Amino acid sequence: EAAVHTGKDCLPFAGGLSDKGLAIVGNLLSGPEVISSMKSLFREVEGIYDLANLTMEMMMAGEKAGGDSRGLQSAAVLIRDMSSPKSDFSAAEIDIRVDDHSDPLTELNRVLKLALEAEKPKLLS
């Protein structure tokens, strides 16, 4: 199950949605269309490799729909395989940040692709 919560003291626009296997939440977004554009791309995936690619597609769609109302400066992706019996829930399988960049989503995607290529044999096994 997934859940989201924003409080009454959040700055506009704050909101989110949850569905089976999915939670999207944001604060200071340009509007609800950011979240709905991300949700529209959600699909079943197999493994962390596919999930990482879907995550980037969804973040880029959210940005195209208006993204953060303040503009972009940083981006991050944190992905854990919660279904694998060998997973350690305290350690991330993928944890990449791009701080203070003029095009953080493009840079995050570039670094993520490099990391995925290096780890592809392990991630697909």
N, C-alpha and C. Protein backbone atom coordinates (compact mmCIF):
# COMPACT_ATOMS: atom_id res chain seq x y z
N GLU A 1 0.84 -1.19 0.00
CA GLU A 1 0.00 0.00 0.00
C GLU A 1 0.88 1.25 0.00
N ALA A 2 0.37 2.29 -0.57
CA ALA A 2 1.08 3.57 -0.63
C ALA A 2 0.17 4.65 -0.07
N ALA A 3 0.77 5.69 0.49
CA ALA A 3 -0.01 6.80 1.03
C ALA A 3 0.78 8.09 0.89
N VAL A 4 0.08 9.20 0.85
CA VAL A 4 0.70 10.52 0.83
C VAL A 4 -0.02 11.40 1.84
N HIS A 5 0.68 12.43 2.29
CA HIS A 5 0.05 13.37 3.23
C HIS A 5 0.71 14.73 3.06
N THR A 6 -0.10 15.75 2.99
CA THR A 6 0.37 17.13 3.08
C THR A 6 -0.48 17.81 4.12
N GLY A 7 0.08 18.72 4.86
CA GLY A 7 -0.65 19.39 5.92
C GLY A 7 -1.21 20.73 5.48
N LYS A 8 -2.05 21.31 6.31
CA LYS A 8 -2.69 22.58 5.99
C LYS A 8 -1.71 23.75 5.96
N ASP A 9 -0.52 23.58 6.54
CA ASP A 9 0.44 24.67 6.58
C ASP A 9 1.46 24.63 5.44
N CYS A 10 1.28 23.70 4.49
CA CYS A 10 2.18 23.64 3.33
C CYS A 10 1.96 24.86 2.44
N LEU A 11 3.00 25.23 1.73
CA LEU A 11 2.89 26.33 0.78
C LEU A 11 2.25 25.82 -0.50
N PRO A 12 1.46 26.66 -1.19
CA PRO A 12 0.80 26.22 -2.42
C PRO A 12 1.84 25.96 -3.50
N PHE A 13 1.58 25.14 -4.44
CA PHE A 13 0.66 24.04 -4.42
C PHE A 13 1.35 22.84 -3.78
N ALA A 14 0.70 22.21 -2.83
CA ALA A 14 1.19 20.98 -2.23
C ALA A 14 0.10 19.94 -2.38
N GLY A 15 0.49 18.75 -2.77
CA GLY A 15 -0.49 17.69 -2.91
C GLY A 15 0.17 16.41 -3.34
N GLY A 16 -0.66 15.42 -3.52
CA GLY A 16 -0.12 14.14 -3.94
C GLY A 16 -1.24 13.17 -4.25
N LEU A 17 -0.85 12.00 -4.67
CA LEU A 17 -1.81 10.93 -4.91
C LEU A 17 -1.10 9.62 -4.65
N SER A 18 -1.89 8.63 -4.31
CA SER A 18 -1.34 7.30 -4.13
C SER A 18 -2.24 6.30 -4.82
N ASP A 19 -1.65 5.22 -5.24
CA ASP A 19 -2.34 4.14 -5.92
C ASP A 19 -1.54 2.88 -5.61
N LYS A 20 -1.97 1.78 -6.11
CA LYS A 20 -1.26 0.53 -5.87
C LYS A 20 0.18 0.64 -6.39
N GLY A 21 1.13 0.55 -5.48
CA GLY A 21 2.54 0.58 -5.85
C GLY A 21 3.07 1.95 -6.22
N LEU A 22 2.35 3.01 -5.90
CA LEU A 22 2.74 4.34 -6.36
C LEU A 22 2.38 5.40 -5.32
N ALA A 23 3.30 6.31 -5.09
CA ALA A 23 3.01 7.52 -4.31
C ALA A 23 3.76 8.67 -4.97
N ILE A 24 3.03 9.74 -5.25
CA ILE A 24 3.62 10.95 -5.81
C ILE A 24 3.19 12.08 -4.89
N VAL A 25 4.15 12.86 -4.41
CA VAL A 25 3.83 13.97 -3.53
C VAL A 25 4.80 15.11 -3.83
N GLY A 26 4.29 16.32 -3.73
CA GLY A 26 5.15 17.47 -3.99
C GLY A 26 4.68 18.70 -3.25
N ASN A 27 5.59 19.60 -3.02
CA ASN A 27 5.33 20.86 -2.36
C ASN A 27 5.90 21.96 -3.26
N LEU A 28 5.24 23.08 -3.30
CA LEU A 28 5.65 24.21 -4.12
C LEU A 28 5.64 23.89 -5.62
N LEU A 29 4.72 23.04 -6.02
CA LEU A 29 4.56 22.71 -7.43
C LEU A 29 3.74 23.79 -8.12
N SER A 30 3.83 23.86 -9.43
CA SER A 30 3.08 24.87 -10.16
C SER A 30 1.57 24.57 -10.16
N GLY A 31 1.19 23.32 -9.89
CA GLY A 31 -0.22 22.98 -9.82
C GLY A 31 -0.43 21.47 -9.85
N PRO A 32 -1.68 21.04 -9.74
CA PRO A 32 -1.98 19.60 -9.72
C PRO A 32 -1.65 18.88 -11.02
N GLU A 33 -1.53 19.61 -12.13
CA GLU A 33 -1.19 18.99 -13.40
C GLU A 33 0.19 18.34 -13.38
N VAL A 34 1.07 18.81 -12.51
CA VAL A 34 2.40 18.21 -12.38
C VAL A 34 2.25 16.76 -11.93
N ILE A 35 1.46 16.56 -10.90
CA ILE A 35 1.26 15.22 -10.35
C ILE A 35 0.49 14.35 -11.33
N SER A 36 -0.55 14.88 -11.94
CA SER A 36 -1.35 14.06 -12.87
C SER A 36 -0.54 13.66 -14.11
N SER A 37 0.37 14.54 -14.57
CA SER A 37 1.19 14.18 -15.73
C SER A 37 2.16 13.05 -15.37
N MET A 38 2.66 13.07 -14.15
CA MET A 38 3.55 12.00 -13.71
C MET A 38 2.78 10.69 -13.60
N LYS A 39 1.61 10.75 -13.01
CA LYS A 39 0.77 9.55 -12.82
C LYS A 39 0.41 8.92 -14.16
N SER A 40 0.20 9.74 -15.19
CA SER A 40 -0.24 9.22 -16.48
C SER A 40 0.79 8.27 -17.11
N LEU A 41 2.04 8.37 -16.71
CA LEU A 41 3.08 7.51 -17.27
C LEU A 41 3.30 6.23 -16.47
N PHE A 42 2.73 6.16 -15.28
CA PHE A 42 2.99 5.00 -14.42
C PHE A 42 2.54 3.70 -15.08
N ARG A 43 3.38 2.70 -14.96
CA ARG A 43 3.09 1.37 -15.51
C ARG A 43 3.85 0.33 -14.70
N GLU A 44 3.47 -0.89 -14.86
CA GLU A 44 4.19 -1.98 -14.22
C GLU A 44 5.58 -2.09 -14.83
N VAL A 45 6.56 -2.35 -14.02
CA VAL A 45 7.94 -2.54 -14.48
C VAL A 45 8.51 -3.79 -13.84
N GLU A 46 9.61 -4.24 -14.39
CA GLU A 46 10.31 -5.38 -13.82
C GLU A 46 11.70 -4.95 -13.39
N GLY A 47 11.93 -4.94 -12.10
CA GLY A 47 13.26 -4.67 -11.57
C GLY A 47 13.60 -3.20 -11.45
N ILE A 48 14.70 -2.99 -10.78
CA ILE A 48 15.17 -1.65 -10.47
C ILE A 48 15.60 -0.89 -11.73
N TYR A 49 16.19 -1.58 -12.68
CA TYR A 49 16.63 -0.93 -13.92
C TYR A 49 15.45 -0.26 -14.61
N ASP A 50 14.37 -1.00 -14.80
CA ASP A 50 13.17 -0.43 -15.44
C ASP A 50 12.53 0.64 -14.57
N LEU A 51 12.51 0.42 -13.26
CA LEU A 51 11.92 1.40 -12.35
C LEU A 51 12.69 2.71 -12.39
N ALA A 52 14.01 2.64 -12.45
CA ALA A 52 14.83 3.86 -12.52
C ALA A 52 14.51 4.65 -13.79
N ASN A 53 14.39 3.95 -14.91
CA ASN A 53 14.05 4.64 -16.16
C ASN A 53 12.66 5.24 -16.11
N LEU A 54 11.69 4.52 -15.56
CA LEU A 54 10.34 5.05 -15.42
C LEU A 54 10.33 6.28 -14.51
N THR A 55 11.08 6.22 -13.43
CA THR A 55 11.16 7.35 -12.50
C THR A 55 11.64 8.61 -13.20
N MET A 56 12.67 8.48 -14.03
CA MET A 56 13.16 9.64 -14.77
C MET A 56 12.12 10.16 -15.76
N GLU A 57 11.44 9.25 -16.46
CA GLU A 57 10.39 9.66 -17.40
C GLU A 57 9.31 10.45 -16.66
N MET A 58 8.92 9.96 -15.50
CA MET A 58 7.87 10.62 -14.73
C MET A 58 8.32 11.98 -14.21
N MET A 59 9.57 12.10 -13.74
CA MET A 59 10.06 13.39 -13.26
C MET A 59 10.14 14.40 -14.40
N MET A 60 10.59 13.95 -15.57
CA MET A 60 10.66 14.86 -16.71
C MET A 60 9.27 15.29 -17.16
N ALA A 61 8.30 14.39 -17.10
CA ALA A 61 6.92 14.76 -17.44
C ALA A 61 6.38 15.78 -16.45
N GLY A 62 6.68 15.59 -15.18
CA GLY A 62 6.25 16.55 -14.17
C GLY A 62 6.86 17.93 -14.40
N GLU A 63 8.12 17.96 -14.77
CA GLU A 63 8.77 19.24 -15.07
C GLU A 63 8.15 19.89 -16.30
N LYS A 64 7.87 19.09 -17.33
CA LYS A 64 7.26 19.63 -18.55
C LYS A 64 5.87 20.21 -18.26
N ALA A 65 5.18 19.65 -17.27
CA ALA A 65 3.84 20.13 -16.91
C ALA A 65 3.88 21.33 -15.98
N GLY A 66 5.04 21.82 -15.63
CA GLY A 66 5.15 23.01 -14.79
C GLY A 66 6.12 22.86 -13.64
N GLY A 67 6.32 21.64 -13.18
CA GLY A 67 7.33 21.35 -12.16
C GLY A 67 7.25 22.20 -10.91
N ASP A 68 8.39 22.44 -10.34
CA ASP A 68 8.53 23.25 -9.13
C ASP A 68 8.25 24.71 -9.49
N SER A 69 7.40 25.36 -8.74
CA SER A 69 7.03 26.74 -9.05
C SER A 69 8.20 27.71 -8.93
N ARG A 70 9.26 27.31 -8.26
CA ARG A 70 10.44 28.17 -8.10
C ARG A 70 11.47 27.94 -9.19
N GLY A 71 11.25 26.95 -10.06
CA GLY A 71 12.25 26.57 -11.05
C GLY A 71 13.08 25.42 -10.53
N LEU A 72 14.01 24.98 -11.34
CA LEU A 72 14.84 23.83 -10.96
C LEU A 72 16.23 24.27 -10.55
N GLN A 73 16.76 23.58 -9.55
CA GLN A 73 18.14 23.77 -9.13
C GLN A 73 18.79 22.44 -8.80
N SER A 74 17.99 21.49 -8.30
CA SER A 74 18.53 20.19 -7.93
C SER A 74 17.52 19.10 -8.25
N ALA A 75 18.00 17.86 -8.28
CA ALA A 75 17.14 16.71 -8.53
C ALA A 75 17.80 15.49 -7.88
N ALA A 76 16.99 14.53 -7.50
CA ALA A 76 17.52 13.33 -6.87
C ALA A 76 16.63 12.14 -7.17
N VAL A 77 17.22 10.96 -7.12
CA VAL A 77 16.45 9.73 -7.28
C VAL A 77 16.96 8.75 -6.21
N LEU A 78 16.01 8.15 -5.51
CA LEU A 78 16.29 7.15 -4.49
C LEU A 78 15.35 5.98 -4.75
N ILE A 79 15.90 4.84 -5.12
CA ILE A 79 15.08 3.69 -5.48
C ILE A 79 15.54 2.48 -4.69
N ARG A 80 14.57 1.82 -4.07
CA ARG A 80 14.84 0.59 -3.33
C ARG A 80 13.98 -0.53 -3.87
N ASP A 81 14.53 -1.72 -3.89
CA ASP A 81 13.76 -2.90 -4.28
C ASP A 81 13.14 -3.48 -3.02
N MET A 82 11.90 -3.10 -2.76
CA MET A 82 11.21 -3.52 -1.54
C MET A 82 10.63 -4.92 -1.66
N SER A 83 10.65 -5.50 -2.86
CA SER A 83 10.05 -6.82 -3.05
C SER A 83 11.07 -7.95 -2.97
N SER A 84 12.33 -7.62 -3.08
CA SER A 84 13.36 -8.65 -3.09
C SER A 84 13.65 -9.15 -1.69
N PRO A 85 13.66 -10.47 -1.50
CA PRO A 85 13.97 -11.00 -0.17
C PRO A 85 15.39 -10.68 0.27
N LYS A 86 16.28 -10.39 -0.68
CA LYS A 86 17.66 -10.06 -0.31
C LYS A 86 17.84 -8.56 -0.02
N SER A 87 16.79 -7.77 -0.17
CA SER A 87 16.90 -6.33 0.05
C SER A 87 17.13 -5.99 1.51
N ASP A 88 17.99 -5.03 1.72
CA ASP A 88 18.17 -4.44 3.04
C ASP A 88 17.43 -3.11 2.98
N PHE A 89 16.32 -3.00 3.68
CA PHE A 89 15.47 -1.82 3.57
C PHE A 89 16.13 -0.55 4.08
N SER A 90 17.27 -0.68 4.74
CA SER A 90 17.94 0.52 5.23
C SER A 90 18.98 1.03 4.23
N ALA A 91 19.21 0.29 3.14
CA ALA A 91 20.22 0.71 2.16
C ALA A 91 19.57 0.87 0.79
N ALA A 92 19.90 1.93 0.12
CA ALA A 92 19.33 2.19 -1.21
C ALA A 92 20.09 1.41 -2.27
N GLU A 93 19.35 0.90 -3.24
CA GLU A 93 19.98 0.30 -4.40
C GLU A 93 20.50 1.39 -5.34
N ILE A 94 19.70 2.46 -5.49
CA ILE A 94 20.10 3.61 -6.31
C ILE A 94 19.84 4.87 -5.50
N ASP A 95 20.86 5.68 -5.33
CA ASP A 95 20.74 6.93 -4.57
C ASP A 95 21.66 7.95 -5.23
N ILE A 96 21.09 8.79 -6.09
CA ILE A 96 21.89 9.76 -6.85
C ILE A 96 21.27 11.14 -6.68
N ARG A 97 22.12 12.13 -6.44
CA ARG A 97 21.69 13.53 -6.29
C ARG A 97 22.48 14.41 -7.23
N VAL A 98 21.81 15.42 -7.74
CA VAL A 98 22.47 16.48 -8.50
C VAL A 98 22.07 17.77 -7.82
N ASP A 99 23.03 18.41 -7.18
CA ASP A 99 22.76 19.65 -6.45
C ASP A 99 23.33 20.84 -7.20
N ASP A 100 22.56 21.91 -7.24
CA ASP A 100 22.99 23.19 -7.80
C ASP A 100 23.51 23.04 -9.23
N HIS A 101 22.59 22.77 -10.14
CA HIS A 101 22.92 22.59 -11.55
C HIS A 101 21.92 23.36 -12.39
N SER A 102 22.35 23.88 -13.53
CA SER A 102 21.45 24.67 -14.39
C SER A 102 20.39 23.79 -15.07
N ASP A 103 20.65 22.51 -15.24
CA ASP A 103 19.69 21.58 -15.84
C ASP A 103 19.75 20.26 -15.07
N PRO A 104 19.25 20.26 -13.83
CA PRO A 104 19.46 19.11 -12.95
C PRO A 104 18.81 17.80 -13.41
N LEU A 105 17.66 17.86 -14.06
CA LEU A 105 17.03 16.61 -14.50
C LEU A 105 17.83 15.95 -15.62
N THR A 106 18.31 16.73 -16.56
CA THR A 106 19.14 16.18 -17.63
C THR A 106 20.43 15.61 -17.06
N GLU A 107 21.03 16.31 -16.13
CA GLU A 107 22.27 15.82 -15.50
C GLU A 107 22.00 14.58 -14.66
N LEU A 108 20.91 14.56 -13.92
CA LEU A 108 20.55 13.38 -13.14
C LEU A 108 20.34 12.18 -14.07
N ASN A 109 19.66 12.39 -15.17
CA ASN A 109 19.43 11.32 -16.14
C ASN A 109 20.76 10.81 -16.70
N ARG A 110 21.67 11.70 -17.01
CA ARG A 110 22.99 11.31 -17.54
C ARG A 110 23.74 10.46 -16.52
N VAL A 111 23.80 10.91 -15.28
CA VAL A 111 24.53 10.17 -14.24
C VAL A 111 23.84 8.84 -13.93
N LEU A 112 22.51 8.85 -13.91
CA LEU A 112 21.76 7.62 -13.66
C LEU A 112 22.04 6.59 -14.75
N LYS A 113 22.05 7.02 -16.01
CA LYS A 113 22.33 6.09 -17.12
C LYS A 113 23.73 5.48 -16.97
N LEU A 114 24.71 6.30 -16.58
CA LEU A 114 26.06 5.77 -16.36
C LEU A 114 26.06 4.73 -15.24
N ALA A 115 25.37 5.03 -14.16
CA ALA A 115 25.30 4.10 -13.03
C ALA A 115 24.58 2.82 -13.42
N LEU A 116 23.51 2.94 -14.17
CA LEU A 116 22.75 1.75 -14.59
C LEU A 116 23.56 0.87 -15.53
N GLU A 117 24.31 1.48 -16.43
CA GLU A 117 25.14 0.69 -17.34
C GLU A 117 26.21 -0.08 -16.56
N ALA A 118 26.79 0.56 -15.57
CA ALA A 118 27.82 -0.09 -14.77
C ALA A 118 27.24 -1.23 -13.94
N GLU A 119 25.99 -1.09 -13.51
CA GLU A 119 25.36 -2.07 -12.64
C GLU A 119 24.39 -3.00 -13.36
N LYS A 120 24.21 -2.82 -14.65
CA LYS A 120 23.18 -3.56 -15.39
C LYS A 120 23.24 -5.07 -15.18
N PRO A 121 24.38 -5.71 -15.26
CA PRO A 121 24.37 -7.16 -15.05
C PRO A 121 23.81 -7.56 -13.68
N LYS A 122 24.15 -6.81 -12.63
CA LYS A 122 23.64 -7.12 -11.29
C LYS A 122 22.15 -6.80 -11.16
N LEU A 123 21.72 -5.68 -11.75
CA LEU A 123 20.33 -5.24 -11.61
C LEU A 123 19.37 -6.15 -12.36
N LEU A 124 19.81 -6.72 -13.47
CA LEU A 124 18.92 -7.56 -14.27
C LEU A 124 18.93 -9.01 -13.82
N SER A 125 19.83 -9.38 -12.93
CA SER A 125 19.88 -10.77 -12.47
C SER A 125 18.92 -11.05 -11.34
